[in-house]
């Protein structure tokens, strides 16, 4: 009788131990709370995949050195609902990248959006333009700044203007 009760309990504990880490990777604790704006980023590779797509791009730091970045997006099925497709980005495209950079200082992060020179925007979320966007009415100014690997990018944007 004891072994019949112990076996299901052991099975449940084992499943919880195995499945728990699967939920952990969707947290955002590893990323900064502010959006870093990287202007004149050159796309080097776009990986259209599940469970996440990735954008690789190069940006020059303050000293003129090229820094290789990687940005994670949602799944291809999720971002396709926002207008993305496997040909949305091509190597050589020069764009502005809005990203929640890694707190570690590594040149990686979670993508917020990409803006092309003609103003076309690819968003990673339908939740809104910025996390923490000013809720004031009128032309509020939002400032986003982050320093990583010797690179500082700062931009001032009128809320609702980009």
N, C-alpha and C. Protein backbone atom coordinates (compact mmCIF):
# COMPACT_ATOMS: atom_id res chain seq x y z
N UNK A 1 0.82 -1.20 0.00
CA UNK A 1 0.00 0.00 0.00
C UNK A 1 0.87 1.26 0.00
N UNK A 2 1.94 1.22 0.82
CA UNK A 2 2.83 2.37 0.92
C UNK A 2 3.49 2.68 -0.42
N UNK A 3 3.91 1.66 -1.16
CA UNK A 3 4.59 1.89 -2.43
C UNK A 3 3.64 2.43 -3.49
N UNK A 4 2.36 2.09 -3.40
CA UNK A 4 1.38 2.62 -4.34
C UNK A 4 1.17 4.12 -4.15
N UNK A 5 1.29 4.60 -2.94
CA UNK A 5 1.16 6.03 -2.66
C UNK A 5 2.46 6.77 -2.98
N UNK A 6 3.56 6.12 -2.74
CA UNK A 6 4.86 6.76 -2.95
C UNK A 6 5.18 6.97 -4.43
N UNK A 7 4.77 6.05 -5.27
CA UNK A 7 5.08 6.14 -6.70
C UNK A 7 4.45 7.38 -7.35
N UNK A 8 3.15 7.65 -7.19
CA UNK A 8 2.58 8.88 -7.78
C UNK A 8 3.20 10.15 -7.19
N UNK A 9 3.49 10.14 -5.90
CA UNK A 9 4.11 11.30 -5.28
C UNK A 9 5.49 11.56 -5.88
N UNK A 10 6.27 10.52 -6.06
CA UNK A 10 7.59 10.66 -6.66
C UNK A 10 7.48 11.15 -8.10
N UNK A 11 6.47 10.69 -8.82
CA UNK A 11 6.26 11.12 -10.20
C UNK A 11 5.93 12.61 -10.27
N UNK A 12 5.06 13.08 -9.40
CA UNK A 12 4.69 14.50 -9.36
C UNK A 12 5.90 15.36 -9.01
N UNK A 13 6.65 14.97 -8.00
CA UNK A 13 7.84 15.72 -7.61
C UNK A 13 8.86 15.75 -8.75
N UNK A 14 9.03 14.63 -9.43
CA UNK A 14 9.96 14.58 -10.56
C UNK A 14 9.52 15.48 -11.70
N UNK A 15 8.25 15.49 -12.03
CA UNK A 15 7.73 16.36 -13.09
C UNK A 15 7.90 17.83 -12.74
N UNK A 16 7.62 18.18 -11.50
CA UNK A 16 7.80 19.57 -11.08
C UNK A 16 9.26 19.99 -11.16
N UNK A 17 10.16 19.12 -10.78
CA UNK A 17 11.59 19.43 -10.82
C UNK A 17 12.07 19.62 -12.25
N UNK A 18 11.55 18.83 -13.18
CA UNK A 18 11.97 18.92 -14.57
C UNK A 18 11.31 20.10 -15.28
N UNK A 19 10.04 20.34 -15.01
CA UNK A 19 9.28 21.38 -15.72
C UNK A 19 9.53 22.79 -15.18
N UNK A 20 9.91 22.93 -13.95
CA UNK A 20 10.13 24.25 -13.34
C UNK A 20 11.07 25.13 -14.13
N UNK A 21 12.26 24.65 -14.51
CA UNK A 21 13.19 25.50 -15.26
C UNK A 21 12.66 25.93 -16.63
N UNK A 22 11.72 25.21 -17.18
CA UNK A 22 11.17 25.60 -18.48
C UNK A 22 10.44 26.94 -18.39
N UNK A 23 9.85 27.24 -17.26
CA UNK A 23 9.14 28.50 -17.10
C UNK A 23 10.10 29.63 -16.75
N UNK A 24 11.22 29.32 -16.17
CA UNK A 24 12.15 30.34 -15.69
C UNK A 24 12.77 31.16 -16.82
N UNK A 25 12.97 30.61 -18.00
CA UNK A 25 13.67 31.35 -19.04
C UNK A 25 12.85 32.50 -19.61
N UNK A 26 11.59 32.61 -19.27
CA UNK A 26 10.78 33.69 -19.78
C UNK A 26 10.78 34.93 -18.90
N UNK A 27 11.60 34.94 -17.87
CA UNK A 27 11.70 36.11 -17.01
C UNK A 27 12.48 37.23 -17.67
N UNK A 28 12.36 38.43 -17.10
CA UNK A 28 13.08 39.58 -17.66
C UNK A 28 14.07 40.17 -16.67
N UNK A 29 14.37 39.45 -15.61
CA UNK A 29 15.26 39.97 -14.58
C UNK A 29 16.68 40.22 -15.10
N UNK A 30 17.07 39.55 -16.15
CA UNK A 30 18.43 39.70 -16.69
C UNK A 30 18.60 40.97 -17.51
N UNK A 31 17.49 41.65 -17.82
CA UNK A 31 17.54 42.81 -18.70
C UNK A 31 17.29 44.12 -17.93
N UNK A 32 17.86 45.19 -18.44
CA UNK A 32 17.70 46.52 -17.85
C UNK A 32 16.23 46.94 -17.92
N UNK A 33 15.87 47.88 -17.07
CA UNK A 33 14.51 48.39 -17.04
C UNK A 33 14.29 49.54 -18.02
N UNK A 34 15.36 50.00 -18.64
CA UNK A 34 15.26 51.11 -19.60
C UNK A 34 15.64 50.62 -20.99
N UNK A 35 15.11 51.27 -21.97
CA UNK A 35 15.36 50.89 -23.35
C UNK A 35 16.63 51.60 -23.85
N UNK A 36 17.53 50.83 -24.39
CA UNK A 36 18.75 51.35 -25.00
C UNK A 36 18.47 51.56 -26.48
N UNK A 37 18.81 52.72 -27.01
CA UNK A 37 18.61 53.00 -28.42
C UNK A 37 19.97 52.96 -29.12
N UNK A 38 20.10 52.05 -30.05
CA UNK A 38 21.34 51.89 -30.81
C UNK A 38 21.06 52.34 -32.24
N UNK A 39 21.55 53.54 -32.57
CA UNK A 39 21.32 54.09 -33.91
C UNK A 39 22.38 53.60 -34.87
N UNK A 40 22.05 53.60 -36.14
CA UNK A 40 22.97 53.19 -37.21
C UNK A 40 23.52 51.78 -36.98
N UNK A 41 22.65 50.89 -36.54
CA UNK A 41 23.02 49.49 -36.38
C UNK A 41 22.92 48.79 -37.74
N UNK A 42 23.91 47.99 -38.06
CA UNK A 42 23.91 47.25 -39.32
C UNK A 42 23.58 45.79 -39.05
N UNK A 43 22.48 45.33 -39.63
CA UNK A 43 22.05 43.93 -39.45
C UNK A 43 23.09 43.02 -40.10
N UNK A 44 23.52 42.00 -39.36
CA UNK A 44 24.46 41.02 -39.90
C UNK A 44 23.79 39.68 -40.15
N UNK A 45 22.74 39.39 -39.35
CA UNK A 45 22.04 38.11 -39.52
C UNK A 45 20.67 38.20 -38.86
N UNK A 46 19.69 37.55 -39.45
CA UNK A 46 18.35 37.45 -38.87
C UNK A 46 17.96 35.98 -38.87
N UNK A 47 17.71 35.43 -37.69
CA UNK A 47 17.36 34.02 -37.55
C UNK A 47 15.87 33.92 -37.24
N UNK A 48 15.11 33.39 -38.17
CA UNK A 48 13.66 33.22 -38.05
C UNK A 48 13.44 31.82 -37.48
N UNK A 49 13.11 31.72 -36.18
CA UNK A 49 13.05 30.41 -35.54
C UNK A 49 12.08 30.40 -34.37
N UNK A 50 11.83 29.21 -33.87
CA UNK A 50 11.09 29.01 -32.63
C UNK A 50 12.03 28.34 -31.64
N UNK A 51 11.99 28.61 -30.36
CA UNK A 51 10.97 29.39 -29.69
C UNK A 51 11.19 30.91 -29.76
N UNK A 52 12.34 31.37 -30.22
CA UNK A 52 12.60 32.81 -30.36
C UNK A 52 13.37 33.06 -31.64
N UNK A 53 13.09 34.19 -32.25
CA UNK A 53 13.90 34.64 -33.39
C UNK A 53 15.00 35.54 -32.84
N UNK A 54 16.07 35.74 -33.63
CA UNK A 54 17.19 36.55 -33.18
C UNK A 54 17.64 37.49 -34.29
N UNK A 55 18.05 38.69 -33.87
CA UNK A 55 18.62 39.67 -34.78
C UNK A 55 20.05 39.92 -34.32
N UNK A 56 21.00 39.74 -35.22
CA UNK A 56 22.39 40.05 -34.92
C UNK A 56 22.74 41.32 -35.69
N UNK A 57 23.46 42.22 -35.04
CA UNK A 57 23.79 43.49 -35.68
C UNK A 57 25.07 44.06 -35.08
N UNK A 58 25.69 44.96 -35.82
CA UNK A 58 26.93 45.62 -35.41
C UNK A 58 26.66 47.10 -35.17
N UNK A 59 27.28 47.64 -34.13
CA UNK A 59 27.18 49.06 -33.79
C UNK A 59 28.57 49.52 -33.38
N UNK A 60 28.93 50.73 -33.77
CA UNK A 60 30.21 51.30 -33.33
C UNK A 60 30.06 51.90 -31.94
N UNK A 61 31.06 51.64 -31.08
CA UNK A 61 31.05 52.24 -29.75
C UNK A 61 31.65 53.64 -29.81
N UNK A 62 31.81 54.27 -28.64
CA UNK A 62 32.31 55.64 -28.57
C UNK A 62 33.71 55.80 -29.16
N UNK A 63 34.48 54.70 -29.17
CA UNK A 63 35.84 54.75 -29.69
C UNK A 63 35.93 54.33 -31.15
N UNK A 64 34.79 54.04 -31.76
CA UNK A 64 34.79 53.64 -33.16
C UNK A 64 34.96 52.15 -33.38
N UNK A 65 35.07 51.38 -32.29
CA UNK A 65 35.19 49.93 -32.41
C UNK A 65 33.83 49.31 -32.69
N UNK A 66 33.80 48.28 -33.51
CA UNK A 66 32.55 47.60 -33.82
C UNK A 66 32.22 46.63 -32.69
N UNK A 67 30.98 46.71 -32.21
CA UNK A 67 30.48 45.81 -31.17
C UNK A 67 29.40 44.93 -31.81
N UNK A 68 29.53 43.63 -31.66
CA UNK A 68 28.58 42.67 -32.23
C UNK A 68 27.48 42.40 -31.20
N UNK A 69 26.25 42.72 -31.54
CA UNK A 69 25.10 42.56 -30.65
C UNK A 69 24.19 41.43 -31.13
N UNK A 70 23.42 40.88 -30.18
CA UNK A 70 22.37 39.91 -30.49
C UNK A 70 21.13 40.29 -29.70
N UNK A 71 19.98 40.31 -30.38
CA UNK A 71 18.72 40.66 -29.73
C UNK A 71 17.72 39.53 -29.93
N UNK A 72 17.08 39.16 -28.85
CA UNK A 72 16.07 38.11 -28.88
C UNK A 72 14.70 38.73 -29.12
N UNK A 73 13.90 38.10 -29.98
CA UNK A 73 12.52 38.53 -30.22
C UNK A 73 11.59 37.44 -29.73
N UNK A 74 10.32 37.64 -29.94
CA UNK A 74 9.37 36.59 -29.65
C UNK A 74 9.48 35.48 -30.69
N UNK A 75 8.60 34.52 -30.59
CA UNK A 75 8.62 33.42 -31.55
C UNK A 75 8.22 33.93 -32.94
N UNK A 76 8.61 33.20 -33.95
CA UNK A 76 8.27 33.61 -35.31
C UNK A 76 6.75 33.67 -35.49
N UNK A 77 6.03 32.77 -34.87
CA UNK A 77 4.57 32.81 -35.00
C UNK A 77 3.97 34.04 -34.31
N UNK A 78 4.56 34.45 -33.18
CA UNK A 78 4.06 35.63 -32.47
C UNK A 78 4.38 36.92 -33.21
N UNK A 79 5.63 37.09 -33.66
CA UNK A 79 5.98 38.34 -34.33
C UNK A 79 5.40 38.43 -35.74
N UNK A 80 5.05 37.28 -36.34
CA UNK A 80 4.40 37.33 -37.65
C UNK A 80 3.03 38.01 -37.55
N UNK A 81 2.40 37.92 -36.40
CA UNK A 81 1.12 38.60 -36.18
C UNK A 81 1.30 40.12 -36.12
N UNK A 82 2.55 40.56 -35.91
CA UNK A 82 2.86 41.99 -35.84
C UNK A 82 3.46 42.50 -37.15
N UNK A 83 3.45 41.67 -38.19
CA UNK A 83 3.92 42.12 -39.50
C UNK A 83 5.30 41.62 -39.90
N UNK A 84 5.96 40.85 -39.04
CA UNK A 84 7.27 40.32 -39.39
C UNK A 84 7.13 39.12 -40.33
N UNK A 85 8.19 38.85 -41.09
CA UNK A 85 8.31 37.59 -41.83
C UNK A 85 9.80 37.26 -41.93
N UNK A 86 10.09 36.12 -42.51
CA UNK A 86 11.49 35.67 -42.54
C UNK A 86 12.39 36.60 -43.36
N UNK A 87 11.80 37.50 -44.15
CA UNK A 87 12.57 38.44 -44.95
C UNK A 87 12.48 39.88 -44.44
N UNK A 88 11.99 40.07 -43.24
CA UNK A 88 11.82 41.43 -42.69
C UNK A 88 13.14 42.17 -42.55
N UNK A 89 14.19 41.45 -42.23
CA UNK A 89 15.52 42.05 -42.07
C UNK A 89 16.51 41.31 -42.95
N UNK A 90 17.38 42.07 -43.57
CA UNK A 90 18.40 41.50 -44.44
C UNK A 90 19.77 41.99 -43.98
N UNK A 91 20.80 41.16 -44.12
CA UNK A 91 22.15 41.63 -43.80
C UNK A 91 22.45 42.90 -44.60
N UNK A 92 22.99 43.89 -43.90
CA UNK A 92 23.30 45.17 -44.53
C UNK A 92 22.28 46.25 -44.24
N UNK A 93 21.07 45.87 -43.80
CA UNK A 93 20.07 46.88 -43.43
C UNK A 93 20.62 47.74 -42.28
N UNK A 94 20.47 49.06 -42.41
CA UNK A 94 20.89 49.98 -41.34
C UNK A 94 19.63 50.47 -40.65
N UNK A 95 19.55 50.21 -39.35
CA UNK A 95 18.34 50.47 -38.58
C UNK A 95 18.69 51.06 -37.22
N UNK A 96 17.66 51.54 -36.53
CA UNK A 96 17.80 51.91 -35.12
C UNK A 96 17.19 50.77 -34.32
N UNK A 97 17.92 50.27 -33.34
CA UNK A 97 17.47 49.15 -32.53
C UNK A 97 17.15 49.65 -31.12
N UNK A 98 15.95 49.36 -30.66
CA UNK A 98 15.51 49.70 -29.31
C UNK A 98 15.49 48.39 -28.54
N UNK A 99 16.30 48.31 -27.49
CA UNK A 99 16.53 47.03 -26.84
C UNK A 99 16.64 47.19 -25.33
N UNK A 100 16.17 46.18 -24.60
CA UNK A 100 16.42 46.11 -23.17
C UNK A 100 17.72 45.31 -23.06
N UNK A 101 18.81 45.99 -22.81
CA UNK A 101 20.13 45.36 -22.79
C UNK A 101 20.31 44.51 -21.53
N UNK A 102 21.20 43.54 -21.62
CA UNK A 102 21.52 42.69 -20.48
C UNK A 102 22.16 43.51 -19.38
N UNK A 103 21.77 43.25 -18.15
CA UNK A 103 22.36 43.95 -17.00
C UNK A 103 23.82 43.61 -16.83
N UNK A 104 24.24 42.47 -17.36
CA UNK A 104 25.63 42.02 -17.21
C UNK A 104 26.61 42.87 -18.00
N UNK A 105 26.11 43.67 -18.94
CA UNK A 105 26.99 44.47 -19.79
C UNK A 105 27.35 43.77 -21.08
N UNK A 106 26.95 42.53 -21.24
CA UNK A 106 27.18 41.82 -22.49
C UNK A 106 26.32 42.44 -23.59
N UNK A 107 26.79 42.43 -24.82
CA UNK A 107 26.03 43.05 -25.90
C UNK A 107 24.89 42.16 -26.41
N UNK A 108 23.97 41.86 -25.52
CA UNK A 108 22.78 41.06 -25.84
C UNK A 108 21.59 41.69 -25.15
N UNK A 109 20.39 41.35 -25.61
CA UNK A 109 19.21 41.87 -24.94
C UNK A 109 17.92 41.41 -25.57
N UNK A 110 16.84 41.90 -25.02
CA UNK A 110 15.49 41.61 -25.51
C UNK A 110 15.04 42.78 -26.38
N UNK A 111 14.63 42.49 -27.59
CA UNK A 111 14.25 43.53 -28.55
C UNK A 111 12.94 44.20 -28.16
N UNK A 112 12.90 45.53 -28.27
CA UNK A 112 11.66 46.29 -28.11
C UNK A 112 11.09 46.57 -29.48
N UNK A 113 11.92 47.17 -30.36
CA UNK A 113 11.49 47.45 -31.73
C UNK A 113 12.70 47.78 -32.58
N UNK A 114 12.47 47.75 -33.89
CA UNK A 114 13.46 48.15 -34.88
C UNK A 114 12.81 49.19 -35.76
N UNK A 115 13.53 50.29 -36.03
CA UNK A 115 13.01 51.35 -36.88
C UNK A 115 13.95 51.54 -38.06
N UNK A 116 13.39 51.46 -39.26
CA UNK A 116 14.15 51.66 -40.49
C UNK A 116 14.27 53.16 -40.78
N UNK A 117 15.18 53.51 -41.67
CA UNK A 117 15.41 54.92 -42.02
C UNK A 117 14.15 55.59 -42.55
N UNK A 118 13.29 54.83 -43.23
CA UNK A 118 12.05 55.40 -43.78
C UNK A 118 10.92 55.49 -42.75
N UNK A 119 11.21 55.10 -41.51
CA UNK A 119 10.22 55.17 -40.45
C UNK A 119 9.44 53.89 -40.21
N UNK A 120 9.58 52.92 -41.10
CA UNK A 120 8.90 51.63 -40.90
C UNK A 120 9.39 51.02 -39.58
N UNK A 121 8.44 50.51 -38.80
CA UNK A 121 8.78 49.97 -37.48
C UNK A 121 8.34 48.53 -37.36
N UNK A 122 9.24 47.70 -36.84
CA UNK A 122 8.92 46.31 -36.49
C UNK A 122 8.95 46.22 -34.98
N UNK A 123 7.80 45.95 -34.38
CA UNK A 123 7.70 45.86 -32.92
C UNK A 123 7.75 44.40 -32.50
N UNK A 124 8.21 44.20 -31.27
CA UNK A 124 8.24 42.85 -30.72
C UNK A 124 7.04 42.59 -29.82
N UNK A 125 6.23 43.60 -29.58
CA UNK A 125 5.11 43.44 -28.66
C UNK A 125 4.00 44.39 -29.04
N UNK A 126 2.78 43.99 -28.78
CA UNK A 126 1.63 44.87 -29.01
C UNK A 126 1.28 45.65 -27.75
N UNK A 127 2.07 45.47 -26.70
CA UNK A 127 1.75 46.07 -25.41
C UNK A 127 1.96 47.57 -25.36
N UNK A 128 2.68 48.12 -26.29
CA UNK A 128 2.90 49.56 -26.28
C UNK A 128 4.28 49.90 -26.76
N UNK A 129 4.52 51.18 -26.88
CA UNK A 129 5.77 51.65 -27.42
C UNK A 129 6.93 51.46 -26.47
N UNK A 130 6.77 51.79 -25.20
CA UNK A 130 7.86 51.72 -24.23
C UNK A 130 7.36 51.06 -22.97
N UNK A 131 8.24 50.35 -22.32
CA UNK A 131 7.95 49.96 -20.95
C UNK A 131 8.29 51.19 -20.13
N UNK A 132 7.41 51.62 -19.29
CA UNK A 132 7.69 52.79 -18.47
C UNK A 132 7.50 54.09 -19.19
N UNK A 133 6.79 54.11 -20.30
CA UNK A 133 6.54 55.35 -21.04
C UNK A 133 5.80 56.32 -20.14
N UNK A 134 6.10 57.57 -20.28
CA UNK A 134 5.47 58.60 -19.47
C UNK A 134 3.96 58.57 -19.65
N UNK A 135 3.24 58.65 -18.54
CA UNK A 135 1.79 58.64 -18.61
C UNK A 135 1.24 60.05 -18.55
N UNK A 136 2.10 61.05 -18.62
CA UNK A 136 1.65 62.44 -18.60
C UNK A 136 0.97 62.76 -19.92
N UNK A 137 0.01 63.66 -19.84
CA UNK A 137 -0.61 64.09 -21.09
C UNK A 137 0.26 65.20 -21.68
N UNK A 138 0.17 65.40 -22.97
CA UNK A 138 0.97 66.43 -23.61
C UNK A 138 2.29 65.87 -24.11
N UNK A 139 3.15 66.75 -24.62
CA UNK A 139 4.40 66.31 -25.24
C UNK A 139 5.50 66.04 -24.22
N UNK A 140 5.35 64.99 -23.46
CA UNK A 140 6.36 64.64 -22.45
C UNK A 140 7.63 64.15 -23.13
N UNK A 141 8.75 64.42 -22.51
CA UNK A 141 10.02 63.93 -23.02
C UNK A 141 10.40 62.66 -22.27
N UNK A 142 10.82 61.67 -23.01
CA UNK A 142 11.32 60.45 -22.39
C UNK A 142 12.80 60.35 -22.71
N UNK A 143 13.60 59.98 -21.74
CA UNK A 143 15.04 59.86 -21.95
C UNK A 143 15.43 58.42 -21.68
N UNK A 144 16.17 57.84 -22.61
CA UNK A 144 16.62 56.48 -22.47
C UNK A 144 18.13 56.47 -22.59
N UNK A 145 18.80 55.91 -21.62
CA UNK A 145 20.26 55.87 -21.68
C UNK A 145 20.74 54.59 -21.03
N UNK A 146 21.85 54.07 -21.53
CA UNK A 146 22.44 52.86 -20.98
C UNK A 146 23.89 52.82 -21.44
N UNK A 147 24.78 52.42 -20.57
CA UNK A 147 26.18 52.29 -20.95
C UNK A 147 26.55 50.82 -20.86
N UNK A 148 27.05 50.27 -21.95
CA UNK A 148 27.50 48.89 -21.98
C UNK A 148 28.75 48.79 -22.82
N UNK A 149 29.71 48.08 -22.33
CA UNK A 149 30.95 47.80 -23.06
C UNK A 149 31.55 49.06 -23.68
N UNK A 150 31.59 50.15 -22.92
CA UNK A 150 32.20 51.37 -23.41
C UNK A 150 31.32 52.16 -24.36
N UNK A 151 30.09 51.72 -24.58
CA UNK A 151 29.19 52.38 -25.52
C UNK A 151 28.06 53.05 -24.76
N UNK A 152 27.84 54.30 -24.99
CA UNK A 152 26.71 54.99 -24.38
C UNK A 152 25.80 55.47 -25.48
N UNK A 153 24.55 55.13 -25.35
CA UNK A 153 23.57 55.60 -26.33
C UNK A 153 22.47 56.32 -25.58
N UNK A 154 22.20 57.52 -25.94
CA UNK A 154 21.17 58.30 -25.28
C UNK A 154 20.30 58.94 -26.35
N UNK A 155 19.04 58.94 -26.10
CA UNK A 155 18.14 59.63 -27.02
C UNK A 155 17.02 60.28 -26.24
N UNK A 156 16.55 61.38 -26.73
CA UNK A 156 15.39 62.05 -26.15
C UNK A 156 14.29 62.02 -27.19
N UNK A 157 13.16 61.53 -26.79
CA UNK A 157 12.07 61.34 -27.72
C UNK A 157 10.79 61.92 -27.13
N UNK A 158 10.07 62.67 -27.92
CA UNK A 158 8.76 63.14 -27.48
C UNK A 158 7.84 61.94 -27.47
N UNK A 159 7.17 61.71 -26.34
CA UNK A 159 6.29 60.56 -26.22
C UNK A 159 5.29 60.57 -27.36
N UNK A 160 5.18 59.43 -28.01
CA UNK A 160 4.25 59.30 -29.12
C UNK A 160 4.80 59.75 -30.46
N UNK A 161 6.07 60.21 -30.49
CA UNK A 161 6.59 60.72 -31.76
C UNK A 161 7.36 59.68 -32.57
N UNK A 162 7.65 58.52 -31.98
CA UNK A 162 8.36 57.49 -32.74
C UNK A 162 7.58 56.22 -32.83
